[in-house]
Amino acid sequence: MLRKYYGSLVGLLVLLACGPTIRFNYDPGIDFKSLKTWAWVEQNEFREGGRGARRNQRLLTERPLMDKRIEVILEKELISMGYQKVSITEAQFLVRQYARYKQVPVETRTRMSSNYWGWGWGWPGPGIGGSISTTRRDTYEQGTIMIEIVDTKTNEPIWEAGAVNALSDVRDPDEADAQITRAIKGALAKLPR
């Protein structure tokens, strides 16, 4: 029975072992070196009808403990990079983070039996060979950390990053802290400075 699930397990582990993939984008017209102060922005504080209000809302889920964990680690990393947290009225840029989750299909094929098929004559006489393969379809939950930086003057996003697979297959709080820290450090490394 273990052999039956071995291929699925190996495929899933290989996929998850790759760690988070960082995807980012930014406005090249912004002088990021001049930005020093920041504040948090809530999702409903984006301007009405703005990009934050309509982006992939169907993929958002409510997980307050994970959101709080991401917020604490992100704040710690921003402060360690030299950015100063201030009130929303004094901030040069606003930071918004959220987690997105979606189910991703995984298909694994396993070949069992011999490496040949067919019929014919051989020793000790005629025979038939064959091969059997099975296909297993599973899904896993892909968790992505999204970070957006918004210019306080224009209320427009100036930088965004997504750490894909950062929250996939998290089993306990210590593992979550390690995965989130690695993902946030990777994402913030892409922030122009």
N, C-alpha and C. Protein backbone atom coordinates (compact mmCIF):
# COMPACT_ATOMS: atom_id res chain seq x y z
N MET A 1 0.81 -1.19 0.00
CA MET A 1 0.00 0.00 0.00
C MET A 1 0.86 1.26 0.00
N LEU A 2 1.98 1.22 0.73
CA LEU A 2 2.89 2.35 0.76
C LEU A 2 3.40 2.68 -0.64
N ARG A 3 3.65 1.64 -1.43
CA ARG A 3 4.13 1.84 -2.79
C ARG A 3 3.12 2.61 -3.63
N LYS A 4 1.86 2.40 -3.35
CA LYS A 4 0.79 3.06 -4.09
C LYS A 4 0.85 4.57 -3.92
N TYR A 5 1.19 5.05 -2.73
CA TYR A 5 1.21 6.48 -2.46
C TYR A 5 2.60 7.08 -2.54
N TYR A 6 3.60 6.28 -2.76
CA TYR A 6 4.97 6.74 -2.77
C TYR A 6 5.21 7.80 -3.84
N GLY A 7 4.75 7.57 -5.05
CA GLY A 7 4.94 8.53 -6.13
C GLY A 7 4.29 9.86 -5.84
N SER A 8 3.08 9.85 -5.29
CA SER A 8 2.38 11.09 -4.93
C SER A 8 3.13 11.84 -3.86
N LEU A 9 3.59 11.10 -2.87
CA LEU A 9 4.30 11.71 -1.76
C LEU A 9 5.60 12.34 -2.23
N VAL A 10 6.35 11.65 -3.05
CA VAL A 10 7.62 12.17 -3.56
C VAL A 10 7.37 13.41 -4.42
N GLY A 11 6.38 13.36 -5.28
CA GLY A 11 6.07 14.52 -6.12
C GLY A 11 5.68 15.74 -5.31
N LEU A 12 4.87 15.54 -4.30
CA LEU A 12 4.45 16.64 -3.44
C LEU A 12 5.61 17.19 -2.64
N LEU A 13 6.46 16.33 -2.11
CA LEU A 13 7.62 16.78 -1.34
C LEU A 13 8.59 17.56 -2.20
N VAL A 14 8.82 17.11 -3.42
CA VAL A 14 9.71 17.84 -4.32
C VAL A 14 9.15 19.21 -4.62
N LEU A 15 7.85 19.28 -4.85
CA LEU A 15 7.21 20.55 -5.15
C LEU A 15 7.31 21.51 -3.96
N LEU A 16 7.09 21.01 -2.77
CA LEU A 16 7.12 21.85 -1.58
C LEU A 16 8.54 22.18 -1.14
N ALA A 17 9.49 21.32 -1.43
CA ALA A 17 10.87 21.54 -0.99
C ALA A 17 11.52 22.71 -1.73
N CYS A 18 10.95 23.09 -2.82
CA CYS A 18 11.52 24.20 -3.58
C CYS A 18 11.43 25.51 -2.83
N GLY A 19 10.59 25.60 -1.83
CA GLY A 19 10.44 26.83 -1.06
C GLY A 19 9.62 27.85 -1.82
N PRO A 20 9.51 29.03 -1.23
CA PRO A 20 8.67 30.05 -1.88
C PRO A 20 9.33 30.62 -3.13
N THR A 21 8.50 30.90 -4.10
CA THR A 21 8.92 31.60 -5.31
C THR A 21 8.50 33.05 -5.16
N ILE A 22 9.44 33.96 -5.30
CA ILE A 22 9.15 35.38 -5.12
C ILE A 22 8.85 36.01 -6.47
N ARG A 23 7.68 36.62 -6.56
CA ARG A 23 7.30 37.40 -7.75
C ARG A 23 7.07 38.83 -7.30
N PHE A 24 7.62 39.78 -8.03
CA PHE A 24 7.50 41.17 -7.59
C PHE A 24 7.39 42.10 -8.79
N ASN A 25 6.97 43.32 -8.49
CA ASN A 25 6.86 44.37 -9.49
C ASN A 25 6.94 45.70 -8.76
N TYR A 26 7.40 46.74 -9.44
CA TYR A 26 7.48 48.06 -8.82
C TYR A 26 7.42 49.15 -9.86
N ASP A 27 7.19 50.36 -9.39
CA ASP A 27 7.14 51.54 -10.24
C ASP A 27 8.56 52.10 -10.36
N PRO A 28 9.19 52.03 -11.53
CA PRO A 28 10.58 52.49 -11.66
C PRO A 28 10.73 54.00 -11.52
N GLY A 29 9.63 54.75 -11.56
CA GLY A 29 9.70 56.19 -11.42
C GLY A 29 9.76 56.68 -9.97
N ILE A 30 9.72 55.78 -9.03
CA ILE A 30 9.73 56.13 -7.61
C ILE A 30 11.16 56.06 -7.07
N ASP A 31 11.55 57.07 -6.27
CA ASP A 31 12.85 57.07 -5.60
C ASP A 31 12.69 56.35 -4.26
N PHE A 32 12.96 55.07 -4.25
CA PHE A 32 12.78 54.26 -3.04
C PHE A 32 13.77 54.61 -1.95
N LYS A 33 14.93 55.18 -2.31
CA LYS A 33 15.94 55.54 -1.31
C LYS A 33 15.45 56.65 -0.38
N SER A 34 14.51 57.46 -0.85
CA SER A 34 14.01 58.56 -0.02
C SER A 34 12.92 58.11 0.96
N LEU A 35 12.42 56.91 0.81
CA LEU A 35 11.36 56.41 1.69
C LEU A 35 11.95 55.88 2.99
N LYS A 36 11.50 56.44 4.11
CA LYS A 36 12.05 56.05 5.42
C LYS A 36 10.97 55.66 6.43
N THR A 37 9.76 56.20 6.31
CA THR A 37 8.72 55.97 7.32
C THR A 37 7.54 55.24 6.71
N TRP A 38 6.90 54.40 7.52
CA TRP A 38 5.80 53.59 7.02
C TRP A 38 4.76 53.38 8.10
N ALA A 39 3.60 52.93 7.66
CA ALA A 39 2.50 52.56 8.57
C ALA A 39 1.70 51.46 7.91
N TRP A 40 0.94 50.74 8.73
CA TRP A 40 0.06 49.69 8.21
C TRP A 40 -1.18 50.31 7.58
N VAL A 41 -1.72 49.66 6.59
CA VAL A 41 -2.99 50.05 6.00
C VAL A 41 -3.88 48.81 5.99
N GLU A 42 -5.12 49.01 6.34
CA GLU A 42 -6.08 47.91 6.30
C GLU A 42 -6.63 47.78 4.89
N GLN A 43 -7.16 46.63 4.58
CA GLN A 43 -7.68 46.37 3.24
C GLN A 43 -8.76 47.38 2.85
N ASN A 44 -9.64 47.75 3.78
CA ASN A 44 -10.72 48.67 3.44
C ASN A 44 -10.28 50.13 3.41
N GLU A 45 -9.00 50.41 3.69
CA GLU A 45 -8.51 51.78 3.64
C GLU A 45 -7.97 52.18 2.27
N PHE A 46 -7.94 51.25 1.32
CA PHE A 46 -7.57 51.61 -0.05
C PHE A 46 -8.67 52.51 -0.61
N ARG A 47 -8.28 53.39 -1.51
CA ARG A 47 -9.29 54.29 -2.07
C ARG A 47 -10.39 53.48 -2.75
N GLU A 48 -11.59 53.98 -2.69
CA GLU A 48 -12.77 53.28 -3.23
C GLU A 48 -12.57 52.97 -4.70
N GLY A 49 -12.79 51.73 -5.08
CA GLY A 49 -12.66 51.33 -6.48
C GLY A 49 -11.23 51.12 -6.91
N GLY A 50 -10.27 51.26 -6.00
CA GLY A 50 -8.86 51.11 -6.34
C GLY A 50 -8.48 49.66 -6.56
N ARG A 51 -7.25 49.47 -6.92
CA ARG A 51 -6.76 48.15 -7.27
C ARG A 51 -6.87 47.17 -6.11
N GLY A 52 -6.61 47.62 -4.91
CA GLY A 52 -6.68 46.74 -3.76
C GLY A 52 -8.08 46.24 -3.48
N ALA A 53 -9.08 47.00 -3.90
CA ALA A 53 -10.47 46.64 -3.62
C ALA A 53 -10.99 45.53 -4.52
N ARG A 54 -10.35 45.33 -5.66
CA ARG A 54 -10.93 44.36 -6.59
C ARG A 54 -10.00 43.19 -6.92
N ARG A 55 -8.86 43.09 -6.31
CA ARG A 55 -7.88 42.09 -6.71
C ARG A 55 -8.12 40.75 -6.02
N ASN A 56 -8.49 39.76 -6.80
CA ASN A 56 -8.55 38.37 -6.36
C ASN A 56 -9.23 38.15 -5.02
N GLN A 57 -10.32 38.83 -4.78
CA GLN A 57 -10.99 38.69 -3.49
C GLN A 57 -11.52 37.28 -3.26
N ARG A 58 -11.80 36.55 -4.32
CA ARG A 58 -12.34 35.20 -4.15
C ARG A 58 -11.29 34.25 -3.59
N LEU A 59 -10.01 34.60 -3.66
CA LEU A 59 -8.96 33.73 -3.15
C LEU A 59 -8.58 34.04 -1.71
N LEU A 60 -9.10 35.13 -1.15
CA LEU A 60 -8.76 35.49 0.21
C LEU A 60 -9.54 34.64 1.20
N THR A 61 -8.92 34.30 2.29
CA THR A 61 -9.60 33.56 3.34
C THR A 61 -9.30 34.22 4.67
N GLU A 62 -10.14 33.96 5.62
CA GLU A 62 -9.95 34.52 6.95
C GLU A 62 -9.17 33.54 7.79
N ARG A 63 -7.95 33.88 8.11
CA ARG A 63 -7.11 33.10 9.02
C ARG A 63 -6.39 34.09 9.91
N PRO A 64 -7.06 34.56 10.95
CA PRO A 64 -6.50 35.66 11.76
C PRO A 64 -5.18 35.32 12.44
N LEU A 65 -4.98 34.10 12.87
CA LEU A 65 -3.72 33.76 13.54
C LEU A 65 -2.55 33.81 12.56
N MET A 66 -2.74 33.30 11.35
CA MET A 66 -1.68 33.34 10.35
C MET A 66 -1.42 34.78 9.90
N ASP A 67 -2.50 35.57 9.73
CA ASP A 67 -2.32 36.97 9.35
C ASP A 67 -1.53 37.74 10.40
N LYS A 68 -1.82 37.50 11.66
CA LYS A 68 -1.09 38.18 12.75
C LYS A 68 0.37 37.76 12.75
N ARG A 69 0.63 36.48 12.53
CA ARG A 69 2.01 35.97 12.48
C ARG A 69 2.79 36.65 11.35
N ILE A 70 2.16 36.77 10.17
CA ILE A 70 2.80 37.42 9.03
C ILE A 70 3.06 38.89 9.35
N GLU A 71 2.09 39.55 9.95
CA GLU A 71 2.22 40.98 10.27
C GLU A 71 3.39 41.22 11.24
N VAL A 72 3.51 40.41 12.28
CA VAL A 72 4.58 40.58 13.26
C VAL A 72 5.95 40.38 12.61
N ILE A 73 6.09 39.35 11.80
CA ILE A 73 7.38 39.08 11.15
C ILE A 73 7.71 40.15 10.13
N LEU A 74 6.73 40.59 9.35
CA LEU A 74 6.96 41.64 8.36
C LEU A 74 7.38 42.95 9.04
N GLU A 75 6.71 43.31 10.13
CA GLU A 75 7.07 44.53 10.86
C GLU A 75 8.51 44.44 11.37
N LYS A 76 8.87 43.32 11.94
CA LYS A 76 10.23 43.12 12.46
C LYS A 76 11.27 43.26 11.34
N GLU A 77 10.99 42.70 10.18
CA GLU A 77 11.93 42.77 9.06
C GLU A 77 12.05 44.19 8.51
N LEU A 78 10.93 44.91 8.40
CA LEU A 78 10.99 46.29 7.91
C LEU A 78 11.80 47.18 8.86
N ILE A 79 11.60 47.00 10.16
CA ILE A 79 12.36 47.78 11.14
C ILE A 79 13.84 47.42 11.08
N SER A 80 14.16 46.15 10.91
CA SER A 80 15.57 45.74 10.82
C SER A 80 16.24 46.29 9.55
N MET A 81 15.45 46.62 8.54
CA MET A 81 16.00 47.21 7.31
C MET A 81 16.19 48.72 7.43
N GLY A 82 15.78 49.29 8.57
CA GLY A 82 15.99 50.72 8.80
C GLY A 82 14.77 51.58 8.57
N TYR A 83 13.63 51.00 8.25
CA TYR A 83 12.41 51.77 8.07
C TYR A 83 11.77 52.01 9.44
N GLN A 84 11.25 53.22 9.62
CA GLN A 84 10.66 53.59 10.91
C GLN A 84 9.14 53.54 10.83
N LYS A 85 8.53 52.83 11.77
CA LYS A 85 7.08 52.76 11.82
C LYS A 85 6.55 54.00 12.53
N VAL A 86 5.60 54.69 11.88
CA VAL A 86 5.02 55.91 12.42
C VAL A 86 3.50 55.84 12.25
N SER A 87 2.82 56.91 12.64
CA SER A 87 1.37 56.95 12.46
C SER A 87 1.05 57.09 10.97
N ILE A 88 -0.16 56.77 10.62
CA ILE A 88 -0.56 56.78 9.21
C ILE A 88 -0.49 58.18 8.59
N THR A 89 -0.64 59.22 9.40
CA THR A 89 -0.58 60.59 8.87
C THR A 89 0.85 61.05 8.61
N GLU A 90 1.83 60.43 9.25
CA GLU A 90 3.23 60.82 9.08
C GLU A 90 3.98 59.92 8.11
N ALA A 91 3.39 58.83 7.69
CA ALA A 91 4.09 57.83 6.88
C ALA A 91 4.31 58.30 5.45
N GLN A 92 5.46 57.90 4.90
CA GLN A 92 5.74 58.14 3.49
C GLN A 92 5.16 57.04 2.61
N PHE A 93 5.04 55.84 3.18
CA PHE A 93 4.41 54.76 2.45
C PHE A 93 3.62 53.88 3.40
N LEU A 94 2.62 53.22 2.84
CA LEU A 94 1.75 52.34 3.61
C LEU A 94 2.03 50.90 3.18
N VAL A 95 1.94 49.99 4.14
CA VAL A 95 2.21 48.58 3.88
C VAL A 95 0.94 47.79 4.14
N ARG A 96 0.64 46.89 3.23
CA ARG A 96 -0.50 46.01 3.36
C ARG A 96 -0.03 44.59 3.08
N GLN A 97 -0.44 43.67 3.91
CA GLN A 97 -0.10 42.27 3.68
C GLN A 97 -1.35 41.43 3.83
N TYR A 98 -1.39 40.34 3.11
CA TYR A 98 -2.48 39.38 3.26
C TYR A 98 -2.03 38.04 2.69
N ALA A 99 -2.75 37.02 3.07
CA ALA A 99 -2.45 35.67 2.59
C ALA A 99 -3.55 35.23 1.63
N ARG A 100 -3.14 34.54 0.57
CA ARG A 100 -4.09 33.95 -0.38
C ARG A 100 -3.86 32.45 -0.39
N TYR A 101 -4.94 31.72 -0.49
CA TYR A 101 -4.87 30.27 -0.53
C TYR A 101 -5.68 29.77 -1.71
N LYS A 102 -5.16 28.74 -2.37
CA LYS A 102 -5.93 28.08 -3.42
C LYS A 102 -5.51 26.62 -3.49
N GLN A 103 -6.41 25.79 -4.00
CA GLN A 103 -6.14 24.38 -4.16
C GLN A 103 -5.48 24.16 -5.52
N VAL A 104 -4.34 23.47 -5.52
CA VAL A 104 -3.58 23.21 -6.74
C VAL A 104 -3.60 21.71 -7.02
N PRO A 105 -4.00 21.30 -8.23
CA PRO A 105 -4.02 19.86 -8.54
C PRO A 105 -2.61 19.33 -8.82
N VAL A 106 -2.37 18.12 -8.39
CA VAL A 106 -1.10 17.43 -8.63
C VAL A 106 -1.44 16.05 -9.19
N GLU A 107 -0.81 15.67 -10.29
CA GLU A 107 -1.05 14.36 -10.89
C GLU A 107 0.27 13.58 -10.90
N THR A 108 0.22 12.37 -10.39
CA THR A 108 1.41 11.52 -10.30
C THR A 108 1.13 10.20 -11.00
N ARG A 109 2.05 9.78 -11.86
CA ARG A 109 1.93 8.49 -12.53
C ARG A 109 2.99 7.56 -11.99
N THR A 110 2.58 6.37 -11.66
CA THR A 110 3.49 5.36 -11.12
C THR A 110 3.45 4.13 -12.01
N ARG A 111 4.61 3.64 -12.42
CA ARG A 111 4.68 2.45 -13.26
C ARG A 111 5.06 1.27 -12.37
N MET A 112 4.28 0.23 -12.49
CA MET A 112 4.55 -0.99 -11.73
C MET A 112 4.71 -2.14 -12.72
N SER A 113 5.35 -3.18 -12.31
CA SER A 113 5.54 -4.38 -13.10
C SER A 113 6.81 -4.25 -13.93
N SER A 114 6.84 -4.85 -15.12
CA SER A 114 8.06 -4.94 -15.91
C SER A 114 8.23 -3.73 -16.82
N ASN A 115 9.37 -3.68 -17.48
CA ASN A 115 9.70 -2.58 -18.38
C ASN A 115 9.36 -2.88 -19.84
N TYR A 116 8.56 -3.87 -20.10
CA TYR A 116 8.25 -4.24 -21.48
C TYR A 116 6.80 -4.70 -21.58
N TRP A 117 6.36 -4.82 -22.79
CA TRP A 117 5.06 -5.40 -23.04
C TRP A 117 5.11 -6.06 -24.42
N GLY A 118 4.16 -6.88 -24.64
CA GLY A 118 4.09 -7.53 -25.95
C GLY A 118 3.94 -9.03 -25.81
N TRP A 119 4.07 -9.73 -26.92
CA TRP A 119 3.95 -11.18 -26.92
C TRP A 119 5.00 -11.73 -27.88
N GLY A 120 5.25 -12.98 -27.77
CA GLY A 120 6.22 -13.58 -28.67
C GLY A 120 6.76 -14.88 -28.12
N TRP A 121 7.72 -15.42 -28.87
CA TRP A 121 8.35 -16.69 -28.48
C TRP A 121 9.60 -16.38 -27.69
N GLY A 122 9.84 -17.16 -26.73
CA GLY A 122 11.04 -17.00 -25.92
C GLY A 122 11.28 -18.25 -25.13
N TRP A 123 12.27 -18.27 -24.32
CA TRP A 123 12.57 -19.44 -23.51
C TRP A 123 11.75 -19.38 -22.27
N PRO A 124 11.03 -20.30 -21.83
CA PRO A 124 10.95 -21.67 -22.30
C PRO A 124 9.84 -21.86 -23.29
N GLY A 125 9.25 -20.81 -23.85
CA GLY A 125 8.18 -20.98 -24.81
C GLY A 125 7.45 -19.67 -25.02
N PRO A 126 6.24 -19.71 -25.59
CA PRO A 126 5.51 -18.47 -25.85
C PRO A 126 5.09 -17.81 -24.54
N GLY A 127 4.93 -16.50 -24.60
CA GLY A 127 4.51 -15.79 -23.40
C GLY A 127 4.02 -14.38 -23.71
N ILE A 128 3.49 -13.77 -22.71
CA ILE A 128 2.98 -12.40 -22.81
C ILE A 128 3.57 -11.60 -21.67
N GLY A 129 4.00 -10.41 -21.95
CA GLY A 129 4.52 -9.51 -20.91
C GLY A 129 3.59 -8.32 -20.78
N GLY A 130 3.77 -7.59 -19.75
CA GLY A 130 2.90 -6.43 -19.59
C GLY A 130 3.45 -5.43 -18.60
N SER A 131 2.85 -4.31 -18.58
CA SER A 131 3.23 -3.24 -17.66
C SER A 131 1.96 -2.57 -17.19
N ILE A 132 1.95 -2.17 -15.96
CA ILE A 132 0.78 -1.51 -15.38
C ILE A 132 1.22 -0.16 -14.84
N SER A 133 0.46 0.84 -15.09
CA SER A 133 0.75 2.14 -14.50
C SER A 133 -0.53 2.68 -13.87
N THR A 134 -0.35 3.47 -12.84
CA THR A 134 -1.49 4.09 -12.16
C THR A 134 -1.30 5.60 -12.16
N THR A 135 -2.39 6.29 -12.17
CA THR A 135 -2.36 7.74 -12.08
C THR A 135 -3.13 8.15 -10.84
N ARG A 136 -2.52 9.00 -10.06
CA ARG A 136 -3.15 9.47 -8.83
C ARG A 136 -3.29 10.98 -8.92
N ARG A 137 -4.47 11.47 -8.67
CA ARG A 137 -4.73 12.91 -8.68
C ARG A 137 -5.01 13.37 -7.26
N ASP A 138 -4.24 14.35 -6.81
CA ASP A 138 -4.39 14.94 -5.49
C ASP A 138 -4.43 16.44 -5.64
N THR A 139 -4.70 17.11 -4.56
CA THR A 139 -4.57 18.56 -4.51
C THR A 139 -3.80 18.90 -3.25
N TYR A 140 -3.15 20.03 -3.29
CA TYR A 140 -2.55 20.57 -2.08
C TYR A 140 -2.89 22.05 -2.01
N GLU A 141 -2.83 22.59 -0.82
CA GLU A 141 -3.18 23.99 -0.62
C GLU A 141 -1.94 24.85 -0.79
N GLN A 142 -1.99 25.74 -1.78
CA GLN A 142 -0.89 26.64 -2.04
C GLN A 142 -1.18 27.96 -1.32
N GLY A 143 -0.32 28.32 -0.40
CA GLY A 143 -0.50 29.56 0.35
C GLY A 143 0.52 30.58 -0.09
N THR A 144 0.07 31.78 -0.39
CA THR A 144 0.92 32.86 -0.88
C THR A 144 0.82 34.06 0.05
N ILE A 145 1.96 34.63 0.40
CA ILE A 145 1.98 35.88 1.16
C ILE A 145 2.10 37.02 0.16
N MET A 146 1.19 37.96 0.24
CA MET A 146 1.20 39.14 -0.62
C MET A 146 1.57 40.36 0.22
N ILE A 147 2.49 41.17 -0.30
CA ILE A 147 2.89 42.41 0.36
C ILE A 147 2.77 43.53 -0.67
N GLU A 148 2.09 44.60 -0.29
CA GLU A 148 1.96 45.76 -1.18
C GLU A 148 2.39 47.01 -0.45
N ILE A 149 3.11 47.87 -1.16
CA ILE A 149 3.51 49.17 -0.62
C ILE A 149 2.80 50.23 -1.45
N VAL A 150 2.15 51.15 -0.75
CA VAL A 150 1.33 52.17 -1.39
C VAL A 150 1.91 53.55 -1.06
N ASP A 151 2.02 54.40 -2.06
CA ASP A 151 2.48 55.78 -1.86
C ASP A 151 1.37 56.56 -1.15
N THR A 152 1.70 57.25 -0.06
CA THR A 152 0.67 57.98 0.68
C THR A 152 0.17 59.21 -0.07
N LYS A 153 1.00 59.77 -0.96
CA LYS A 153 0.58 60.97 -1.70
C LYS A 153 -0.44 60.64 -2.78
N THR A 154 -0.22 59.55 -3.50
CA THR A 154 -1.08 59.22 -4.63
C THR A 154 -2.08 58.10 -4.32
N ASN A 155 -1.86 57.39 -3.22
CA ASN A 155 -2.67 56.24 -2.83
C ASN A 155 -2.65 55.14 -3.90
N GLU A 156 -1.52 55.05 -4.61
CA GLU A 156 -1.33 54.04 -5.65
C GLU A 156 -0.23 53.08 -5.22
N PRO A 157 -0.34 51.82 -5.58
CA PRO A 157 0.73 50.87 -5.27
C PRO A 157 2.02 51.25 -6.00
N ILE A 158 3.16 51.16 -5.29
CA ILE A 158 4.45 51.46 -5.91
C ILE A 158 5.36 50.22 -5.91
N TRP A 159 5.02 49.21 -5.10
CA TRP A 159 5.80 47.97 -5.06
C TRP A 159 4.88 46.87 -4.56
N GLU A 160 5.05 45.68 -5.13
CA GLU A 160 4.27 44.54 -4.67
C GLU A 160 5.09 43.28 -4.84
N ALA A 161 4.88 42.35 -3.93
CA ALA A 161 5.58 41.07 -4.02
C ALA A 161 4.67 39.97 -3.52
N GLY A 162 4.84 38.80 -4.10
CA GLY A 162 4.11 37.63 -3.65
C GLY A 162 5.10 36.49 -3.43
N ALA A 163 5.01 35.86 -2.28
CA ALA A 163 5.85 34.70 -1.98
C ALA A 163 4.97 33.46 -2.14
N VAL A 164 5.00 32.88 -3.32
CA VAL A 164 4.16 31.73 -3.66
C VAL A 164 4.71 30.49 -2.95
N ASN A 165 3.84 29.70 -2.38
CA ASN A 165 4.16 28.48 -1.62
C ASN A 165 4.76 28.77 -0.25
N ALA A 166 4.70 30.01 0.21
CA ALA A 166 5.26 30.35 1.52
C ALA A 166 4.44 29.74 2.65
N LEU A 167 3.16 29.50 2.42
CA LEU A 167 2.29 28.98 3.48
C LEU A 167 1.77 27.58 3.16
N SER A 168 2.41 26.91 2.24
CA SER A 168 1.96 25.57 1.86
C SER A 168 2.49 24.54 2.84
N ASP A 169 1.61 23.67 3.26
CA ASP A 169 1.96 22.53 4.12
C ASP A 169 2.59 22.95 5.44
N VAL A 170 2.08 24.01 6.06
CA VAL A 170 2.53 24.44 7.38
C VAL A 170 1.80 23.60 8.42
N ARG A 171 2.57 22.92 9.29
CA ARG A 171 1.96 22.01 10.25
C ARG A 171 1.95 22.52 11.68
N ASP A 172 2.91 23.38 12.06
CA ASP A 172 2.95 23.85 13.44
C ASP A 172 3.48 25.29 13.47
N PRO A 173 3.33 25.99 14.60
CA PRO A 173 3.73 27.39 14.69
C PRO A 173 5.22 27.64 14.42
N ASP A 174 6.10 26.76 14.91
CA ASP A 174 7.53 26.96 14.68
C ASP A 174 7.87 26.85 13.19
N GLU A 175 7.28 25.88 12.53
CA GLU A 175 7.49 25.71 11.10
C GLU A 175 6.93 26.92 10.34
N ALA A 176 5.78 27.42 10.79
CA ALA A 176 5.18 28.59 10.15
C ALA A 176 6.09 29.80 10.28
N ASP A 177 6.64 30.03 11.48
CA ASP A 177 7.55 31.17 11.68
C ASP A 177 8.75 31.08 10.75
N ALA A 178 9.35 29.91 10.64
CA ALA A 178 10.53 29.74 9.79
C ALA A 178 10.19 29.98 8.32
N GLN A 179 9.08 29.42 7.85
CA GLN A 179 8.69 29.59 6.44
C GLN A 179 8.33 31.04 6.13
N ILE A 180 7.59 31.67 7.03
CA ILE A 180 7.18 33.06 6.80
C ILE A 180 8.38 33.98 6.82
N THR A 181 9.29 33.78 7.76
CA THR A 181 10.49 34.62 7.83
C THR A 181 11.31 34.48 6.55
N ARG A 182 11.52 33.26 6.09
CA ARG A 182 12.29 33.04 4.86
C ARG A 182 11.60 33.71 3.66
N ALA A 183 10.28 33.61 3.58
CA ALA A 183 9.54 34.20 2.46
C ALA A 183 9.58 35.73 2.50
N ILE A 184 9.39 36.30 3.68
CA ILE A 184 9.38 37.77 3.79
C ILE A 184 10.76 38.35 3.53
N LYS A 185 11.80 37.71 4.04
CA LYS A 185 13.16 38.18 3.75
C LYS A 185 13.44 38.11 2.25
N GLY A 186 13.01 37.03 1.61
CA GLY A 186 13.20 36.90 0.16
C GLY A 186 12.45 37.98 -0.61
N ALA A 187 11.23 38.28 -0.18
CA ALA A 187 10.43 39.30 -0.86
C ALA A 187 11.03 40.69 -0.65
N LEU A 188 11.39 41.01 0.58
CA LEU A 188 11.93 42.34 0.87
C LEU A 188 13.32 42.55 0.25
N ALA A 189 14.01 41.47 -0.07
CA ALA A 189 15.29 41.60 -0.77
C ALA A 189 15.10 42.16 -2.17
N LYS A 190 13.89 42.04 -2.71
CA LYS A 190 13.57 42.56 -4.05
C LYS A 190 13.12 44.02 -4.02
N LEU A 191 13.01 44.59 -2.82
CA LEU A 191 12.60 45.99 -2.69
C LEU A 191 13.76 46.90 -3.09
N PRO A 192 13.58 47.78 -4.08
CA PRO A 192 14.68 48.68 -4.49
C PRO A 192 15.09 49.56 -3.31
N ARG A 193 16.40 49.71 -3.13
CA ARG A 193 16.89 50.54 -2.02
C ARG A 193 18.00 51.45 -2.47
